[in-house]
Amino acid sequence: MPVPFNGADGMPAPLRGPGGMRVERLHDASAAAGDIDAIVELEAESFTNPWSRETLVWELQNSDVTRIYLLRADGGAVLAFCICWVIFDELHINTLAVKPAARRGGLATALLREVMAESAAAGATKATLEVRASNTAALGLYTRLGFHVAATRPGYYTKPEEDALILWRERLDTSP
């Protein structure tokens, strides 16, 4: 069950995840330099077309729709992250990654549940994302979280070239 954001200083309080882990939302690129480095490293470990450090910093400094969430271990190490946009009533999940050694342990599920709950609290009513057609692990995750394939974008991905499946979840206010 998601824990609401309720920081006493007006900032969101860290959400508690599995095993004492916590989910935090980044708010400032300058205060989060080490976190940006951890995201860049995890992007490079996870994707053939990773987001650059400059793109991440720009998103944090210049976009009022960008949200970056980190799932941290008790010691503070970043184990997973999710970068998304909340635009009006829509959550768009741009990228999600979990440290290779921590995969298949429910961290992505826990992180996405918190991201969806916080986005719903901010007014999002539905969610969308693109995923490589061959990424069966991600498709399983998203299906378990209530997403369905709505369309295909031919040749969307490069390195290697591959179609993207466009997934939607029509309602964020209910659990799958």
Protein backbone atom coordinates (compact mmCIF):
# COMPACT_ATOMS: atom_id res chain seq x y z
CA MET A 1 0.00 0.00 0.00
CA PRO A 2 1.47 3.38 -0.98
CA VAL A 3 2.47 5.77 1.76
CA PRO A 4 1.37 9.35 0.99
CA PHE A 5 3.90 12.11 0.43
CA ASN A 6 3.70 14.31 3.52
CA GLY A 7 7.00 15.97 4.31
CA ALA A 8 6.79 18.54 7.10
CA ASP A 9 8.88 21.00 5.07
CA GLY A 10 6.45 20.90 2.17
CA MET A 11 8.65 18.46 0.28
CA PRO A 12 7.58 14.86 -0.18
CA ALA A 13 8.65 12.50 2.56
CA PRO A 14 10.50 9.40 1.37
CA LEU A 15 8.18 6.50 0.69
CA ARG A 16 9.03 3.18 2.27
CA GLY A 17 9.63 0.32 -0.11
CA PRO A 18 10.40 -3.37 0.37
CA GLY A 19 12.92 -4.33 3.05
CA GLY A 20 13.33 -0.80 4.44
CA MET A 21 14.17 0.66 1.04
CA ARG A 22 12.73 4.06 0.27
CA VAL A 23 11.40 5.88 -2.77
CA GLU A 24 12.39 9.54 -3.15
CA ARG A 25 11.56 12.13 -5.76
CA LEU A 26 14.39 14.33 -7.05
CA HIS A 27 13.56 18.04 -7.13
CA ASP A 28 16.82 19.82 -7.93
CA ALA A 29 19.62 18.84 -10.30
CA SER A 30 22.30 20.74 -8.38
CA ALA A 31 21.41 19.12 -5.06
CA ALA A 32 21.29 15.72 -6.74
CA ALA A 33 24.61 15.56 -8.61
CA GLY A 34 25.52 12.15 -7.16
CA ASP A 35 22.03 10.88 -7.87
CA ILE A 36 22.25 12.07 -11.49
CA ASP A 37 25.58 10.20 -11.79
CA ALA A 38 23.94 7.05 -10.40
CA ILE A 39 21.09 7.35 -12.92
CA VAL A 40 23.51 7.90 -15.82
CA GLU A 41 25.48 4.82 -14.78
CA LEU A 42 22.35 2.68 -14.46
CA GLU A 43 21.04 3.98 -17.81
CA ALA A 44 24.31 2.90 -19.47
CA GLU A 45 24.09 -0.54 -17.82
CA SER A 46 20.48 -1.01 -18.89
CA PHE A 47 19.89 0.57 -22.30
CA THR A 48 21.54 0.74 -25.72
CA ASN A 49 20.35 4.36 -26.13
CA PRO A 50 20.71 5.80 -22.62
CA TRP A 51 19.67 9.32 -21.65
CA SER A 52 22.64 11.64 -21.32
CA ARG A 53 23.60 13.46 -18.14
CA GLU A 54 22.82 16.75 -19.91
CA THR A 55 19.30 15.57 -20.78
CA LEU A 56 18.63 14.50 -17.19
CA VAL A 57 19.87 17.80 -15.77
CA TRP A 58 17.87 19.77 -18.35
CA GLU A 59 14.72 17.82 -17.47
CA LEU A 60 15.15 18.58 -13.76
CA GLN A 61 15.99 22.26 -14.26
CA ASN A 62 13.62 23.23 -17.08
CA SER A 63 10.59 21.00 -17.17
CA ASP A 64 7.60 21.44 -14.94
CA VAL A 65 6.20 18.03 -15.96
CA THR A 66 9.28 15.87 -15.30
CA ARG A 67 9.41 13.69 -12.22
CA ILE A 68 12.40 11.53 -11.32
CA TYR A 69 11.99 8.89 -8.63
CA LEU A 70 14.75 6.87 -6.98
CA LEU A 71 14.46 3.62 -5.07
CA ARG A 72 17.27 3.55 -2.51
CA ALA A 73 18.73 0.81 -0.35
CA ASP A 74 18.94 1.43 3.39
CA GLY A 75 22.49 2.72 2.93
CA GLY A 76 21.37 5.26 0.33
CA ALA A 77 22.60 3.53 -2.83
CA VAL A 78 20.33 3.96 -5.85
CA LEU A 79 18.91 0.56 -6.81
CA ALA A 80 16.31 1.72 -9.34
CA PHE A 81 14.87 4.85 -10.89
CA CYS A 82 11.89 5.97 -12.93
CA ILE A 83 11.74 9.10 -15.07
CA CYS A 84 8.26 10.18 -16.08
CA TRP A 85 6.15 13.14 -17.06
CA VAL A 86 2.79 14.08 -15.58
CA ILE A 87 0.96 16.13 -18.19
CA PHE A 88 -2.55 17.16 -17.20
CA ASP A 89 -4.29 13.85 -16.42
CA GLU A 90 -1.69 11.57 -17.99
CA LEU A 91 1.36 9.83 -16.56
CA HIS A 92 3.94 9.06 -19.25
CA ILE A 93 6.63 6.66 -18.05
CA ASN A 94 9.76 7.48 -20.04
CA THR A 95 12.36 5.19 -18.54
CA LEU A 96 12.68 2.74 -15.70
CA ALA A 97 15.72 0.71 -14.68
CA VAL A 98 16.80 -1.55 -11.84
CA LYS A 99 20.42 -2.43 -11.02
CA PRO A 100 21.19 -5.73 -12.76
CA ALA A 101 22.09 -7.49 -9.48
CA ALA A 102 18.77 -6.40 -7.92
CA ARG A 103 16.46 -7.41 -10.78
CA ARG A 104 13.64 -9.92 -10.37
CA GLY A 105 13.15 -8.98 -6.71
CA GLY A 106 10.02 -6.84 -6.99
CA LEU A 107 11.81 -3.47 -6.92
CA ALA A 108 10.38 -2.26 -10.25
CA THR A 109 6.89 -3.23 -9.12
CA ALA A 110 7.27 -1.40 -5.81
CA LEU A 111 8.73 1.68 -7.48
CA LEU A 112 6.04 1.85 -10.18
CA ARG A 113 3.24 1.40 -7.65
CA GLU A 114 4.56 4.43 -5.75
CA VAL A 115 5.04 6.46 -8.94
CA MET A 116 1.48 5.68 -10.06
CA ALA A 117 0.02 6.43 -6.62
CA GLU A 118 1.83 9.77 -6.36
CA SER A 119 0.86 10.67 -9.94
CA ALA A 120 -2.78 9.79 -9.25
CA ALA A 121 -2.66 12.00 -6.15
CA ALA A 122 -1.38 14.80 -8.43
CA GLY A 123 -4.34 14.36 -10.79
CA ALA A 124 -3.20 11.76 -13.32
CA THR A 125 -6.00 9.36 -14.22
CA LYS A 126 -4.25 7.18 -16.82
CA ALA A 127 -0.74 6.10 -17.76
CA THR A 128 1.19 5.25 -20.90
CA LEU A 129 4.65 4.10 -21.98
CA GLU A 130 6.58 2.53 -24.83
CA VAL A 131 8.51 -0.72 -24.49
CA ARG A 132 10.62 -2.79 -26.86
CA ALA A 133 8.48 -5.53 -28.40
CA SER A 134 11.13 -8.12 -27.40
CA ASN A 135 11.34 -7.04 -23.74
CA THR A 136 9.28 -9.85 -22.25
CA ALA A 137 10.36 -9.11 -18.66
CA ALA A 138 9.11 -5.51 -18.90
CA LEU A 139 5.93 -6.59 -20.68
CA GLY A 140 5.22 -9.02 -17.85
CA LEU A 141 5.78 -6.30 -15.25
CA TYR A 142 3.52 -3.80 -16.99
CA THR A 143 0.81 -6.39 -17.63
CA ARG A 144 0.81 -7.33 -13.93
CA LEU A 145 0.39 -3.63 -13.14
CA GLY A 146 -2.71 -3.34 -15.33
CA PHE A 147 -1.27 -2.05 -18.62
CA HIS A 148 -2.38 -3.39 -21.99
CA VAL A 149 -0.90 -3.13 -25.49
CA ALA A 150 -2.79 -0.47 -27.44
CA ALA A 151 -0.64 -0.01 -30.57
CA THR A 152 2.76 -0.53 -32.18
CA ARG A 153 5.31 2.09 -33.30
CA PRO A 154 7.34 0.49 -36.10
CA GLY A 155 11.10 1.12 -35.93
CA TYR A 156 10.82 3.30 -32.81
CA TYR A 157 13.98 1.99 -31.16
CA THR A 158 17.52 1.98 -32.54
CA LYS A 159 20.64 0.03 -31.55
CA PRO A 160 19.12 -2.42 -32.48
CA GLU A 161 16.19 -1.20 -34.52
CA GLU A 162 12.96 -2.55 -33.12
CA ASP A 163 9.28 -1.81 -32.86
CA ALA A 164 7.83 -0.29 -29.70
CA LEU A 165 4.63 -1.46 -28.13
CA ILE A 166 2.52 1.39 -26.77
CA LEU A 167 0.97 0.39 -23.47
CA TRP A 168 -1.86 2.09 -21.59
CA ARG A 169 -3.42 1.81 -18.19
CA GLU A 170 -6.78 3.53 -18.32
CA ARG A 171 -7.29 4.05 -14.58
CA LEU A 172 -4.68 4.91 -11.97
CA ASP A 173 -7.12 5.19 -9.09
CA THR A 174 -7.52 1.43 -8.66
CA SER A 175 -5.06 -1.36 -7.98
CA PRO A 176 -4.55 -3.96 -10.72
